[in-house]
Every structure is written in structure tokens, then in C-alpha cells.
């Protein structure tokens, strides 16, 4: 019996030992990444979220640091959201951060998810070096100037969020030439983009969310948007858009929300757009549209059409046949 115990205890011991070695090696923070994060922390003057207090140089950044996630096999940092509240139910709009972004951050060459919202003084040199990024959010900062052209080098990017900033200038045509994996584009709110919607948007065949509202974008809505068959959300409200609502929007069978309000659109409302099968939200209020509102299955409220003196019929007052 004693011999039996010895023979079985040895394999069990070896399994436990091997497991502990594998576990520790897969979670050990990469030295280059750890130094990059510590340099990042040194550049932060103040941050109200308190998340960086856990970034102790004597601990493992993969297992002990808040809002840092690593690849279990390589120990490389793949997800960084340094100022997000620990509780996802907490509202993070009150988080304020000041300081400067260390260029060492670009040494995180395996980074896939980067969220640097709430920075009050923001500068990230050449974000295009982070070539593995699939998610980039620089929202709710005070970014000024134009969109960095190096962002176009992020070929794997699925989400780009630059909303709630003070960006200006035109949207670079080159931005959409090589970002064919992009699914979510957020450039809305408090930015001051001008010029037209680039025709290169036709390259974003994977696009699902398009948010350009609350800017100063002018020109016509490109008919080629109708080629983006995966679109579910289009937000173009509160701009300076002119021309007609393209009939091609009626080819977007997945579209559930279309907001074109507060522009300078003219002409009539295409019946095929208003009767899209999955359309739940529709707003063309405060434009210069005219003609009879096409019959539609969903009972969109009158507020969806108000502010267009030339529009008539349900849910607005009937047309004057005289």
C-alpha cells in the first residue's frame, strides 16, 4: 500500500509542478510592456479614477494592475483602458485626467484594444505604430487639429472612436482606403469637421455604425453609401448637408436607425427608404424637404418630419390638393 501511494504521489506532484510553471510563465508581464506602462504612469499628473494606484512596479502588470489585460501565452499587453471605472455601472463622464502621453506607449506592439478617454491634455505620437489595434477610442478628450493620417495604417481596426473632441478640418480621403475591417466609426459630437463625406467611404464594406452627427459636414450624401450593406446605424444629423436623400439608402436592408435631421436636405422622401424592413428610428426633421410623405408601415411620430414646411400627409396634416 505504501509503495502504491509513492508511485501515485510522484506523478501528481509532477503535474502540479508543471502546471504551476506553465501558469506563471504565461502570465508574467513582458518587460518591455511593463516599462512602457510605467513610463505612461509617470506622465500622468492627476487622474480621478484612481486606477493607476494599482500599477506597482513590484507586481505583475498582467495579474495585479487594474484595466490591463495580457495574452495568457505571451504575457504581452493586449488591452489597455487605464481610466475606466472598476464598476462598469459607474458613470465615467466625471473622470478627469491631466498629463502627457509617453511615446513609450507605442512600444506596446501587441496592443489590440486602447481606450484613452477623458484626457484633458492629449498627445499621442504616431498611433499608427500600434499596428495590431482593433479598437481605438480617444473619445471625450480635447483633441484639436485634424485626424492624424497615421491612423490609416491601422489596417486591423474595427472600432474608431474620436467623438466628443474639438477636431476640425476635412475627413482625410486616405483614412478609408485601407481600413476595410472597420465596423464602427464614431466622429460625432462637438467636433468641427468640414467638407464632404469622402467617396472613399465605399471601401468600408464591413461598416455597421456610422456616426458623423453634430459637425459642419457639407455637400450631398454619397449615393455609394448604399453599397455598405452591413450598415445598421446612420447618424448624420446637425450638419450642413444638402441635396436629396439618396434612393440607394433603400438598399440597406439591415438599417435600423437613420437620423438626417437638422440639415439642408431638399426634395422628397424616397418610399423605399421609409419602408425598410428593419427601420425603427427615422428622423428627417428641420430640413427643406417637400412633397407627400410616402405611406409607411411604422407609425413614425410627426416630430420625425416636422420643420419641413413643404412636407405633408400622415403623420403631418394632409396635402392641399388645390
C-alpha atoms as a PDB file:
ATOM      1  CA  UNK A   1       0.000   0.000   0.000  1.00  0.00           C
ATOM      2  CA  UNK A   2       2.858   2.365   0.853  1.00  0.00           C
ATOM      3  CA  UNK A   3       4.525   1.592  -2.494  1.00  0.00           C
ATOM      4  CA  UNK A   4       1.233   2.322  -4.280  1.00  0.00           C
ATOM      5  CA  UNK A   5       0.997   5.742  -2.604  1.00  0.00           C
ATOM      6  CA  UNK A   6       4.580   6.621  -3.538  1.00  0.00           C
ATOM      7  CA  UNK A   7       4.091   5.683  -7.187  1.00  0.00           C
ATOM      8  CA  UNK A   8       0.963   7.799  -7.473  1.00  0.00           C
ATOM      9  CA  UNK A   9       2.164  10.764  -5.479  1.00  0.00           C
ATOM     10  CA  UNK A  10       5.158  11.340  -7.775  1.00  0.00           C
ATOM     11  CA  UNK A  11       3.094  11.817 -10.990  1.00  0.00           C
ATOM     12  CA  UNK A  12       0.629  14.050  -9.147  1.00  0.00           C
ATOM     13  CA  UNK A  13       3.495  16.172  -7.820  1.00  0.00           C
ATOM     14  CA  UNK A  14       4.987  16.478 -11.314  1.00  0.00           C
ATOM     15  CA  UNK A  15       1.621  17.534 -12.789  1.00  0.00           C
ATOM     16  CA  UNK A  16       1.175  20.227 -10.137  1.00  0.00           C
ATOM     17  CA  UNK A  17       4.741  21.450 -10.632  1.00  0.00           C
ATOM     18  CA  UNK A  18       4.396  21.570 -14.420  1.00  0.00           C
ATOM     19  CA  UNK A  19       1.056  23.373 -14.181  1.00  0.00           C
ATOM     20  CA  UNK A  20       2.489  25.995 -11.852  1.00  0.00           C
ATOM     21  CA  UNK A  21       5.448  26.594 -14.169  1.00  0.00           C
ATOM     22  CA  UNK A  22       3.207  26.945 -17.222  1.00  0.00           C
ATOM     23  CA  UNK A  23       0.766  29.202 -15.363  1.00  0.00           C
ATOM     24  CA  UNK A  24       3.478  31.505 -14.074  1.00  0.00           C
ATOM     25  CA  UNK A  25       5.232  31.743 -17.434  1.00  0.00           C
ATOM     26  CA  UNK A  26       2.099  32.557 -19.385  1.00  0.00           C
ATOM     27  CA  UNK A  27       1.029  35.381 -17.094  1.00  0.00           C
ATOM     28  CA  UNK A  28       4.384  37.069 -16.475  1.00  0.00           C
ATOM     29  CA  UNK A  29       4.252  40.623 -17.774  1.00  0.00           C
ATOM     30  CA  UNK A  30       6.553  41.334 -20.702  1.00  0.00           C
ATOM     31  CA  UNK A  31       9.438  43.562 -19.529  1.00  0.00           C
ATOM     32  CA  UNK A  32       9.159  45.981 -22.465  1.00  0.00           C
ATOM     33  CA  UNK A  33       5.422  46.375 -21.959  1.00  0.00           C
ATOM     34  CA  UNK A  34       5.793  46.849 -18.209  1.00  0.00           C
ATOM     35  CA  UNK A  35       8.361  49.617 -18.679  1.00  0.00           C
ATOM     36  CA  UNK A  36       6.139  51.271 -21.289  1.00  0.00           C
ATOM     37  CA  UNK A  37       3.209  51.302 -18.845  1.00  0.00           C
ATOM     38  CA  UNK A  38       5.343  52.671 -16.007  1.00  0.00           C
ATOM     39  CA  UNK A  39       6.580  55.453 -18.313  1.00  0.00           C
ATOM     40  CA  UNK A  40       2.953  56.136 -19.190  1.00  0.00           C
ATOM     41  CA  UNK A  41       2.086  56.376 -15.499  1.00  0.00           C
ATOM     42  CA  UNK A  42       4.963  58.810 -14.860  1.00  0.00           C
ATOM     43  CA  UNK A  43       3.477  61.188 -17.420  1.00  0.00           C
ATOM     44  CA  UNK A  44       0.117  61.357 -15.644  1.00  0.00           C
ATOM     45  CA  UNK A  45      -0.139  64.366 -13.340  1.00  0.00           C
ATOM     46  CA  UNK A  46      -3.573  63.585 -11.916  1.00  0.00           C
ATOM     47  CA  UNK A  47      -6.426  61.189 -12.581  1.00  0.00           C
ATOM     48  CA  UNK A  48      -9.650  60.955 -10.644  1.00  0.00           C
ATOM     49  CA  UNK A  49     -10.434  57.305 -11.392  1.00  0.00           C
ATOM     50  CA  UNK A  50      -7.680  56.009  -9.072  1.00  0.00           C
ATOM     51  CA  UNK A  51      -6.969  53.058 -11.342  1.00  0.00           C
ATOM     52  CA  UNK A  52      -3.232  53.711 -11.673  1.00  0.00           C
ATOM     53  CA  UNK A  53      -2.673  53.265  -7.929  1.00  0.00           C
ATOM     54  CA  UNK A  54      -2.543  49.525  -8.572  1.00  0.00           C
ATOM     55  CA  UNK A  55       0.315  49.923 -11.068  1.00  0.00           C
ATOM     56  CA  UNK A  56       3.071  48.922  -8.653  1.00  0.00           C
ATOM     57  CA  UNK A  57       6.462  48.198 -10.281  1.00  0.00           C
ATOM     58  CA  UNK A  58       6.963  45.343  -7.793  1.00  0.00           C
ATOM     59  CA  UNK A  59       3.883  43.463  -9.014  1.00  0.00           C
ATOM     60  CA  UNK A  60       2.936  41.734 -12.254  1.00  0.00           C
ATOM     61  CA  UNK A  61       1.157  44.071 -14.654  1.00  0.00           C
ATOM     62  CA  UNK A  62      -0.855  41.200 -16.117  1.00  0.00           C
ATOM     63  CA  UNK A  63      -2.337  39.959 -12.854  1.00  0.00           C
ATOM     64  CA  UNK A  64      -2.279  42.887 -10.416  1.00  0.00           C
ATOM     65  CA  UNK A  65      -2.791  46.087 -12.399  1.00  0.00           C
ATOM     66  CA  UNK A  66      -6.292  47.435 -12.991  1.00  0.00           C
ATOM     67  CA  UNK A  67      -7.520  47.809 -16.582  1.00  0.00           C
ATOM     68  CA  UNK A  68      -4.531  45.976 -18.073  1.00  0.00           C
ATOM     69  CA  UNK A  69      -5.094  42.655 -19.832  1.00  0.00           C
ATOM     70  CA  UNK A  70      -2.441  40.398 -21.305  1.00  0.00           C
ATOM     71  CA  UNK A  71      -2.245  37.489 -23.679  1.00  0.00           C
ATOM     72  CA  UNK A  72      -2.011  34.366 -21.490  1.00  0.00           C
ATOM     73  CA  UNK A  73       0.515  32.709 -23.764  1.00  0.00           C
ATOM     74  CA  UNK A  74       2.901  35.601 -24.439  1.00  0.00           C
ATOM     75  CA  UNK A  75       2.493  37.948 -21.468  1.00  0.00           C
ATOM     76  CA  UNK A  76       2.146  40.856 -23.917  1.00  0.00           C
ATOM     77  CA  UNK A  77      -0.368  43.603 -23.087  1.00  0.00           C
ATOM     78  CA  UNK A  78      -3.339  43.401 -25.449  1.00  0.00           C
ATOM     79  CA  UNK A  79      -5.981  45.555 -23.738  1.00  0.00           C
ATOM     80  CA  UNK A  80      -5.458  48.923 -22.040  1.00  0.00           C
ATOM     81  CA  UNK A  81      -8.245  51.131 -20.655  1.00  0.00           C
ATOM     82  CA  UNK A  82      -6.393  52.912 -17.845  1.00  0.00           C
ATOM     83  CA  UNK A  83      -9.088  55.331 -16.712  1.00  0.00           C
ATOM     84  CA  UNK A  84     -12.225  53.226 -16.890  1.00  0.00           C
ATOM     85  CA  UNK A  85     -14.066  52.825 -13.544  1.00  0.00           C
ATOM     86  CA  UNK A  86     -13.732  49.401 -11.936  1.00  0.00           C
ATOM     87  CA  UNK A  87     -17.509  49.056 -11.781  1.00  0.00           C
ATOM     88  CA  UNK A  88     -18.930  49.120 -15.337  1.00  0.00           C
ATOM     89  CA  UNK A  89     -22.171  50.519 -13.900  1.00  0.00           C
ATOM     90  CA  UNK A  90     -20.386  53.681 -12.754  1.00  0.00           C
ATOM     91  CA  UNK A  91     -20.732  56.710 -14.982  1.00  0.00           C
ATOM     92  CA  UNK A  92     -17.259  57.608 -16.245  1.00  0.00           C
ATOM     93  CA  UNK A  93     -18.165  61.053 -17.619  1.00  0.00           C
ATOM     94  CA  UNK A  94     -16.862  62.628 -14.399  1.00  0.00           C
ATOM     95  CA  UNK A  95     -13.373  61.125 -14.809  1.00  0.00           C
ATOM     96  CA  UNK A  96     -10.730  63.765 -15.423  1.00  0.00           C
ATOM     97  CA  UNK A  97      -7.117  63.116 -16.341  1.00  0.00           C
ATOM     98  CA  UNK A  98      -4.239  65.530 -16.901  1.00  0.00           C
ATOM     99  CA  UNK A  99      -0.691  64.948 -18.008  1.00  0.00           C
ATOM    100  CA  UNK A 100       1.111  63.876 -21.152  1.00  0.00           C
ATOM    101  CA  UNK A 101       1.207  60.644 -23.100  1.00  0.00           C
ATOM    102  CA  UNK A 102       4.597  58.960 -23.065  1.00  0.00           C
ATOM    103  CA  UNK A 103       5.860  57.908 -26.520  1.00  0.00           C
ATOM    104  CA  UNK A 104       6.822  54.616 -24.819  1.00  0.00           C
ATOM    105  CA  UNK A 105       3.162  53.674 -25.204  1.00  0.00           C
ATOM    106  CA  UNK A 106       3.908  52.855 -28.843  1.00  0.00           C
ATOM    107  CA  UNK A 107       6.168  50.044 -27.572  1.00  0.00           C
ATOM    108  CA  UNK A 108       3.028  48.053 -26.761  1.00  0.00           C
ATOM    109  CA  UNK A 109       3.245  46.420 -30.163  1.00  0.00           C
ATOM    110  CA  UNK A 110       0.783  43.625 -29.329  1.00  0.00           C
ATOM    111  CA  UNK A 111      -1.912  46.033 -28.129  1.00  0.00           C
ATOM    112  CA  UNK A 112      -5.324  45.321 -29.637  1.00  0.00           C
ATOM    113  CA  UNK A 113      -7.649  47.480 -27.518  1.00  0.00           C
ATOM    114  CA  UNK A 114      -6.723  51.039 -26.454  1.00  0.00           C
ATOM    115  CA  UNK A 115      -9.130  53.382 -24.675  1.00  0.00           C
ATOM    116  CA  UNK A 116      -7.653  56.737 -23.650  1.00  0.00           C
ATOM    117  CA  UNK A 117     -10.803  58.696 -22.961  1.00  0.00           C
ATOM    118  CA  UNK A 118     -11.055  61.695 -20.613  1.00  0.00           C
ATOM    119  CA  UNK A 119      -7.584  63.095 -21.202  1.00  0.00           C
ATOM    120  CA  UNK A 120      -7.537  66.850 -20.689  1.00  0.00           C
ATOM    121  CA  UNK A 121      -4.150  67.292 -22.365  1.00  0.00           C
ATOM    122  CA  UNK A 122      -3.757  64.763 -25.082  1.00  0.00           C
ATOM    123  CA  UNK A 123      -0.961  63.947 -27.476  1.00  0.00           C
ATOM    124  CA  UNK A 124      -0.143  60.501 -28.810  1.00  0.00           C
ATOM    125  CA  UNK A 125       2.737  60.439 -31.238  1.00  0.00           C
ATOM    126  CA  UNK A 126       2.124  58.284 -34.298  1.00  0.00           C
ATOM    127  CA  UNK A 127      -0.727  55.982 -33.148  1.00  0.00           C
ATOM    128  CA  UNK A 128      -0.285  54.180 -36.463  1.00  0.00           C
ATOM    129  CA  UNK A 129       2.671  52.299 -34.944  1.00  0.00           C
ATOM    130  CA  UNK A 130       0.222  50.232 -32.913  1.00  0.00           C
ATOM    131  CA  UNK A 131      -0.494  48.062 -35.936  1.00  0.00           C
ATOM    132  CA  UNK A 132      -2.334  45.299 -34.043  1.00  0.00           C
ATOM    133  CA  UNK A 133      -5.094  47.599 -32.780  1.00  0.00           C
ATOM    134  CA  UNK A 134      -8.651  46.527 -33.454  1.00  0.00           C
ATOM    135  CA  UNK A 135     -10.193  49.104 -31.085  1.00  0.00           C
ATOM    136  CA  UNK A 136      -9.076  52.711 -30.627  1.00  0.00           C
ATOM    137  CA  UNK A 137     -11.002  55.232 -28.553  1.00  0.00           C
ATOM    138  CA  UNK A 138      -9.723  58.738 -27.972  1.00  0.00           C
ATOM    139  CA  UNK A 139     -13.211  59.991 -27.123  1.00  0.00           C
ATOM    140  CA  UNK A 140     -14.076  62.717 -24.616  1.00  0.00           C
ATOM    141  CA  UNK A 141     -10.729  64.467 -24.822  1.00  0.00           C
ATOM    142  CA  UNK A 142      -9.800  67.927 -26.045  1.00  0.00           C
ATOM    143  CA  UNK A 143      -8.197  66.781 -29.262  1.00  0.00           C
ATOM    144  CA  UNK A 144      -7.735  69.634 -31.723  1.00  0.00           C
ATOM    145  CA  UNK A 145      -6.495  69.866 -35.283  1.00  0.00           C
ATOM    146  CA  UNK A 146      -7.097  67.243 -37.952  1.00  0.00           C
ATOM    147  CA  UNK A 147      -7.304  63.477 -37.731  1.00  0.00           C
ATOM    148  CA  UNK A 148      -3.754  62.015 -37.664  1.00  0.00           C
ATOM    149  CA  UNK A 149      -3.118  60.468 -41.064  1.00  0.00           C
ATOM    150  CA  UNK A 150      -1.146  57.644 -39.430  1.00  0.00           C
ATOM    151  CA  UNK A 151      -4.452  56.193 -38.177  1.00  0.00           C
ATOM    152  CA  UNK A 152      -4.931  54.993 -41.753  1.00  0.00           C
ATOM    153  CA  UNK A 153      -2.117  52.500 -41.073  1.00  0.00           C
ATOM    154  CA  UNK A 154      -4.278  50.623 -38.576  1.00  0.00           C
ATOM    155  CA  UNK A 155      -5.469  48.034 -41.077  1.00  0.00           C
ATOM    156  CA  UNK A 156      -6.955  45.730 -38.416  1.00  0.00           C
ATOM    157  CA  UNK A 157      -9.072  48.430 -36.776  1.00  0.00           C
ATOM    158  CA  UNK A 158     -12.725  47.539 -36.208  1.00  0.00           C
ATOM    159  CA  UNK A 159     -13.716  50.477 -33.985  1.00  0.00           C
ATOM    160  CA  UNK A 160     -12.510  54.075 -34.242  1.00  0.00           C
ATOM    161  CA  UNK A 161     -13.999  56.479 -31.703  1.00  0.00           C
ATOM    162  CA  UNK A 162     -12.911  60.129 -31.866  1.00  0.00           C
ATOM    163  CA  UNK A 163     -16.214  61.555 -30.643  1.00  0.00           C
ATOM    164  CA  UNK A 164     -16.643  64.426 -28.168  1.00  0.00           C
ATOM    165  CA  UNK A 165     -13.482  66.314 -29.095  1.00  0.00           C
ATOM    166  CA  UNK A 166     -12.599  69.550 -30.865  1.00  0.00           C
ATOM    167  CA  UNK A 167     -11.226  68.128 -34.077  1.00  0.00           C
ATOM    168  CA  UNK A 168     -11.555  70.152 -37.272  1.00  0.00           C
ATOM    169  CA  UNK A 169     -10.719  70.153 -40.966  1.00  0.00           C
ATOM    170  CA  UNK A 170     -11.894  67.661 -43.539  1.00  0.00           C
ATOM    171  CA  UNK A 171     -12.091  63.920 -43.027  1.00  0.00           C
ATOM    172  CA  UNK A 172      -8.986  62.626 -44.854  1.00  0.00           C
ATOM    173  CA  UNK A 173      -9.815  60.680 -48.013  1.00  0.00           C
ATOM    174  CA  UNK A 174      -6.905  58.362 -47.278  1.00  0.00           C
ATOM    175  CA  UNK A 175      -8.432  57.382 -43.933  1.00  0.00           C
ATOM    176  CA  UNK A 176     -10.808  54.870 -45.506  1.00  0.00           C
ATOM    177  CA  UNK A 177      -8.653  53.426 -48.265  1.00  0.00           C
ATOM    178  CA  UNK A 178      -7.060  50.690 -46.164  1.00  0.00           C
ATOM    179  CA  UNK A 179      -9.400  50.312 -43.165  1.00  0.00           C
ATOM    180  CA  UNK A 180     -11.529  47.597 -44.724  1.00  0.00           C
ATOM    181  CA  UNK A 181     -12.124  45.860 -41.371  1.00  0.00           C
ATOM    182  CA  UNK A 182     -13.722  48.955 -39.793  1.00  0.00           C
ATOM    183  CA  UNK A 183     -17.162  48.230 -38.333  1.00  0.00           C
ATOM    184  CA  UNK A 184     -17.793  51.200 -36.042  1.00  0.00           C
ATOM    185  CA  UNK A 185     -16.929  54.819 -36.879  1.00  0.00           C
ATOM    186  CA  UNK A 186     -17.705  57.493 -34.278  1.00  0.00           C
ATOM    187  CA  UNK A 187     -16.740  61.053 -35.229  1.00  0.00           C
ATOM    188  CA  UNK A 188     -19.764  62.781 -33.742  1.00  0.00           C
ATOM    189  CA  UNK A 189     -20.414  65.455 -31.120  1.00  0.00           C
ATOM    190  CA  UNK A 190     -18.506  68.657 -30.514  1.00  0.00           C
ATOM    191  CA  UNK A 191     -16.116  68.156 -33.411  1.00  0.00           C
ATOM    192  CA  UNK A 192     -15.969  70.680 -36.231  1.00  0.00           C
ATOM    193  CA  UNK A 193     -15.345  68.580 -39.296  1.00  0.00           C
ATOM    194  CA  UNK A 194     -15.995  70.392 -42.569  1.00  0.00           C
ATOM    195  CA  UNK A 195     -16.043  69.409 -46.214  1.00  0.00           C
ATOM    196  CA  UNK A 196     -17.921  66.496 -47.716  1.00  0.00           C
ATOM    197  CA  UNK A 197     -18.160  62.837 -46.771  1.00  0.00           C
ATOM    198  CA  UNK A 198     -15.183  61.229 -48.595  1.00  0.00           C
ATOM    199  CA  UNK A 199     -16.117  58.990 -51.506  1.00  0.00           C
ATOM    200  CA  UNK A 200     -13.526  56.530 -50.163  1.00  0.00           C
ATOM    201  CA  UNK A 201     -16.120  55.556 -47.557  1.00  0.00           C
ATOM    202  CA  UNK A 202     -17.227  52.995 -50.153  1.00  0.00           C
ATOM    203  CA  UNK A 203     -14.212  50.906 -49.057  1.00  0.00           C
ATOM    204  CA  UNK A 204     -15.695  50.352 -45.588  1.00  0.00           C
ATOM    205  CA  UNK A 205     -17.695  47.300 -46.600  1.00  0.00           C
ATOM    206  CA  UNK A 206     -17.794  45.974 -43.021  1.00  0.00           C
ATOM    207  CA  UNK A 207     -19.208  49.218 -41.568  1.00  0.00           C
ATOM    208  CA  UNK A 208     -22.150  48.795 -39.173  1.00  0.00           C
ATOM    209  CA  UNK A 209     -22.225  52.089 -37.230  1.00  0.00           C
ATOM    210  CA  UNK A 210     -21.654  55.443 -38.957  1.00  0.00           C
ATOM    211  CA  UNK A 211     -21.854  58.467 -36.637  1.00  0.00           C
ATOM    212  CA  UNK A 212     -20.920  61.857 -38.097  1.00  0.00           C
ATOM    213  CA  UNK A 213     -23.616  63.944 -36.403  1.00  0.00           C
ATOM    214  CA  UNK A 214     -23.057  67.375 -34.832  1.00  0.00           C
ATOM    215  CA  UNK A 215     -20.308  68.547 -37.156  1.00  0.00           C
ATOM    216  CA  UNK A 216     -20.223  71.006 -40.056  1.00  0.00           C
ATOM    217  CA  UNK A 217     -20.077  68.479 -42.885  1.00  0.00           C
ATOM    218  CA  UNK A 218     -21.446  69.818 -46.174  1.00  0.00           C
ATOM    219  CA  UNK A 219     -22.217  68.549 -49.657  1.00  0.00           C
ATOM    220  CA  UNK A 220     -24.526  65.714 -50.625  1.00  0.00           C
ATOM    221  CA  UNK A 221     -24.948  62.320 -49.013  1.00  0.00           C
ATOM    222  CA  UNK A 222     -22.918  59.984 -51.278  1.00  0.00           C
ATOM    223  CA  UNK A 223     -25.129  57.554 -53.158  1.00  0.00           C
ATOM    224  CA  UNK A 224     -22.380  54.943 -52.744  1.00  0.00           C
ATOM    225  CA  UNK A 225     -23.319  54.604 -49.073  1.00  0.00           C
ATOM    226  CA  UNK A 226     -25.976  52.266 -50.426  1.00  0.00           C
ATOM    227  CA  UNK A 227     -23.160  49.799 -51.162  1.00  0.00           C
ATOM    228  CA  UNK A 228     -22.375  49.391 -47.468  1.00  0.00           C
ATOM    229  CA  UNK A 229     -24.818  46.555 -46.932  1.00  0.00           C
ATOM    230  CA  UNK A 230     -23.924  45.924 -43.271  1.00  0.00           C
ATOM    231  CA  UNK A 231     -24.920  49.386 -42.081  1.00  0.00           C
ATOM    232  CA  UNK A 232     -27.391  49.372 -39.191  1.00  0.00           C
ATOM    233  CA  UNK A 233     -26.948  52.879 -37.790  1.00  0.00           C
ATOM    234  CA  UNK A 234     -26.505  56.112 -39.773  1.00  0.00           C
ATOM    235  CA  UNK A 235     -26.218  59.369 -37.812  1.00  0.00           C
ATOM    236  CA  UNK A 236     -25.734  62.469 -39.976  1.00  0.00           C
ATOM    237  CA  UNK A 237     -27.894  64.940 -38.081  1.00  0.00           C
ATOM    238  CA  UNK A 238     -26.898  68.541 -37.269  1.00  0.00           C
ATOM    239  CA  UNK A 239     -24.603  69.142 -40.223  1.00  0.00           C
ATOM    240  CA  UNK A 240     -24.773  71.271 -43.387  1.00  0.00           C
ATOM    241  CA  UNK A 241     -25.750  68.504 -45.785  1.00  0.00           C
ATOM    242  CA  UNK A 242     -27.590  69.491 -48.981  1.00  0.00           C
ATOM    243  CA  UNK A 243     -29.203  67.731 -51.934  1.00  0.00           C
ATOM    244  CA  UNK A 244     -31.646  64.846 -51.910  1.00  0.00           C
ATOM    245  CA  UNK A 245     -31.933  61.767 -49.737  1.00  0.00           C
ATOM    246  CA  UNK A 246     -30.348  59.059 -51.953  1.00  0.00           C
ATOM    247  CA  UNK A 247     -32.662  56.294 -53.121  1.00  0.00           C
ATOM    248  CA  UNK A 248     -29.696  53.959 -52.588  1.00  0.00           C
ATOM    249  CA  UNK A 249     -30.272  54.125 -48.831  1.00  0.00           C
ATOM    250  CA  UNK A 250     -33.319  51.973 -49.502  1.00  0.00           C
ATOM    251  CA  UNK A 251     -30.944  49.116 -50.381  1.00  0.00           C
ATOM    252  CA  UNK A 252     -29.613  48.926 -46.812  1.00  0.00           C
ATOM    253  CA  UNK A 253     -31.765  46.048 -45.618  1.00  0.00           C
ATOM    254  CA  UNK A 254     -30.060  45.908 -42.190  1.00  0.00           C
ATOM    255  CA  UNK A 255     -30.614  49.602 -41.412  1.00  0.00           C
ATOM    256  CA  UNK A 256     -32.450  50.150 -38.123  1.00  0.00           C
ATOM    257  CA  UNK A 257     -31.730  53.839 -37.415  1.00  0.00           C
ATOM    258  CA  UNK A 258     -31.476  56.772 -39.848  1.00  0.00           C
ATOM    259  CA  UNK A 259     -31.027  60.284 -38.458  1.00  0.00           C
ATOM    260  CA  UNK A 260     -30.758  63.067 -41.046  1.00  0.00           C
ATOM    261  CA  UNK A 261     -32.392  65.854 -39.055  1.00  0.00           C
ATOM    262  CA  UNK A 262     -31.137  69.445 -38.814  1.00  0.00           C
ATOM    263  CA  UNK A 263     -29.546  69.679 -42.255  1.00  0.00           C
ATOM    264  CA  UNK A 264     -30.466  71.418 -45.515  1.00  0.00           C
ATOM    265  CA  UNK A 265     -31.787  68.457 -47.445  1.00  0.00           C
ATOM    266  CA  UNK A 266     -34.275  69.076 -50.264  1.00  0.00           C
ATOM    267  CA  UNK A 267     -36.591  67.008 -52.444  1.00  0.00           C
ATOM    268  CA  UNK A 268     -38.933  64.255 -51.374  1.00  0.00           C
ATOM    269  CA  UNK A 269     -38.565  61.263 -49.059  1.00  0.00           C
ATOM    270  CA  UNK A 270     -37.866  58.049 -51.030  1.00  0.00           C
ATOM    271  CA  UNK A 271     -40.567  55.475 -50.327  1.00  0.00           C
ATOM    272  CA  UNK A 272     -38.099  52.586 -50.331  1.00  0.00           C
ATOM    273  CA  UNK A 273     -36.097  54.262 -47.547  1.00  0.00           C
ATOM    274  CA  UNK A 274     -39.106  54.921 -45.340  1.00  0.00           C
ATOM    275  CA  UNK A 275     -40.260  51.320 -45.719  1.00  0.00           C
ATOM    276  CA  UNK A 276     -37.026  49.492 -44.937  1.00  0.00           C
ATOM    277  CA  UNK A 277     -37.937  46.256 -43.161  1.00  0.00           C
ATOM    278  CA  UNK A 278     -35.711  46.758 -40.093  1.00  0.00           C
ATOM    279  CA  UNK A 279     -36.042  50.526 -39.761  1.00  0.00           C
ATOM    280  CA  UNK A 280     -37.074  51.520 -36.226  1.00  0.00           C
ATOM    281  CA  UNK A 281     -35.756  55.085 -35.909  1.00  0.00           C
ATOM    282  CA  UNK A 282     -36.247  57.677 -38.648  1.00  0.00           C
ATOM    283  CA  UNK A 283     -35.770  61.434 -38.337  1.00  0.00           C
ATOM    284  CA  UNK A 284     -35.610  63.991 -41.151  1.00  0.00           C
ATOM    285  CA  UNK A 285     -36.937  66.940 -39.158  1.00  0.00           C
ATOM    286  CA  UNK A 286     -35.651  70.504 -39.636  1.00  0.00           C
ATOM    287  CA  UNK A 287     -34.669  70.239 -43.305  1.00  0.00           C
ATOM    288  CA  UNK A 288     -36.124  71.681 -46.528  1.00  0.00           C
ATOM    289  CA  UNK A 289     -37.907  68.558 -47.734  1.00  0.00           C
ATOM    290  CA  UNK A 290     -41.144  68.751 -49.689  1.00  0.00           C
ATOM    291  CA  UNK A 291     -43.892  66.615 -51.176  1.00  0.00           C
ATOM    292  CA  UNK A 292     -46.152  63.905 -49.850  1.00  0.00           C
ATOM    293  CA  UNK A 293     -44.823  61.628 -47.124  1.00  0.00           C
ATOM    294  CA  UNK A 294     -44.934  58.094 -48.611  1.00  0.00           C
ATOM    295  CA  UNK A 295     -47.226  55.552 -46.944  1.00  0.00           C
ATOM    296  CA  UNK A 296     -45.262  53.569 -44.391  1.00  0.00           C
ATOM    297  CA  UNK A 297     -45.936  50.613 -42.129  1.00  0.00           C
ATOM    298  CA  UNK A 298     -44.341  52.004 -38.985  1.00  0.00           C
ATOM    299  CA  UNK A 299     -46.048  54.892 -37.245  1.00  0.00           C
ATOM    300  CA  UNK A 300     -43.182  57.335 -37.024  1.00  0.00           C
ATOM    301  CA  UNK A 301     -44.193  60.374 -34.941  1.00  0.00           C
ATOM    302  CA  UNK A 302     -44.893  63.769 -36.510  1.00  0.00           C
ATOM    303  CA  UNK A 303     -41.715  65.055 -34.837  1.00  0.00           C
ATOM    304  CA  UNK A 304     -39.714  62.878 -37.242  1.00  0.00           C
ATOM    305  CA  UNK A 305     -40.913  65.053 -40.136  1.00  0.00           C
ATOM    306  CA  UNK A 306     -41.517  68.450 -38.511  1.00  0.00           C
ATOM    307  CA  UNK A 307     -39.687  71.595 -39.586  1.00  0.00           C
ATOM    308  CA  UNK A 308     -40.107  70.845 -43.303  1.00  0.00           C
ATOM    309  CA  UNK A 309     -42.769  73.352 -44.489  1.00  0.00           C
ATOM    310  CA  UNK A 310     -43.164  71.561 -47.820  1.00  0.00           C
ATOM    311  CA  UNK A 311     -43.916  68.112 -46.366  1.00  0.00           C
ATOM    312  CA  UNK A 312     -47.483  66.935 -45.972  1.00  0.00           C
ATOM    313  CA  UNK A 313     -49.675  63.900 -45.262  1.00  0.00           C
ATOM    314  CA  UNK A 314     -49.684  61.493 -42.321  1.00  0.00           C
ATOM    315  CA  UNK A 315     -48.485  61.941 -39.685  1.00  0.00           C
ATOM    316  CA  UNK A 316     -48.414  65.634 -40.724  1.00  0.00           C
ATOM    317  CA  UNK A 317     -51.547  67.495 -41.923  1.00  0.00           C
ATOM    318  CA  UNK A 318     -52.950  66.300 -45.272  1.00  0.00           C
ATOM    319  CA  UNK A 319     -51.662  67.737 -48.501  1.00  0.00           C
ATOM    320  CA  UNK A 320     -53.528  70.620 -50.073  1.00  0.00           C
ATOM    321  CA  UNK A 321     -54.813  69.190 -53.346  1.00  0.00           C
ATOM    322  CA  UNK A 322     -55.602  72.621 -54.700  1.00  0.00           C
END
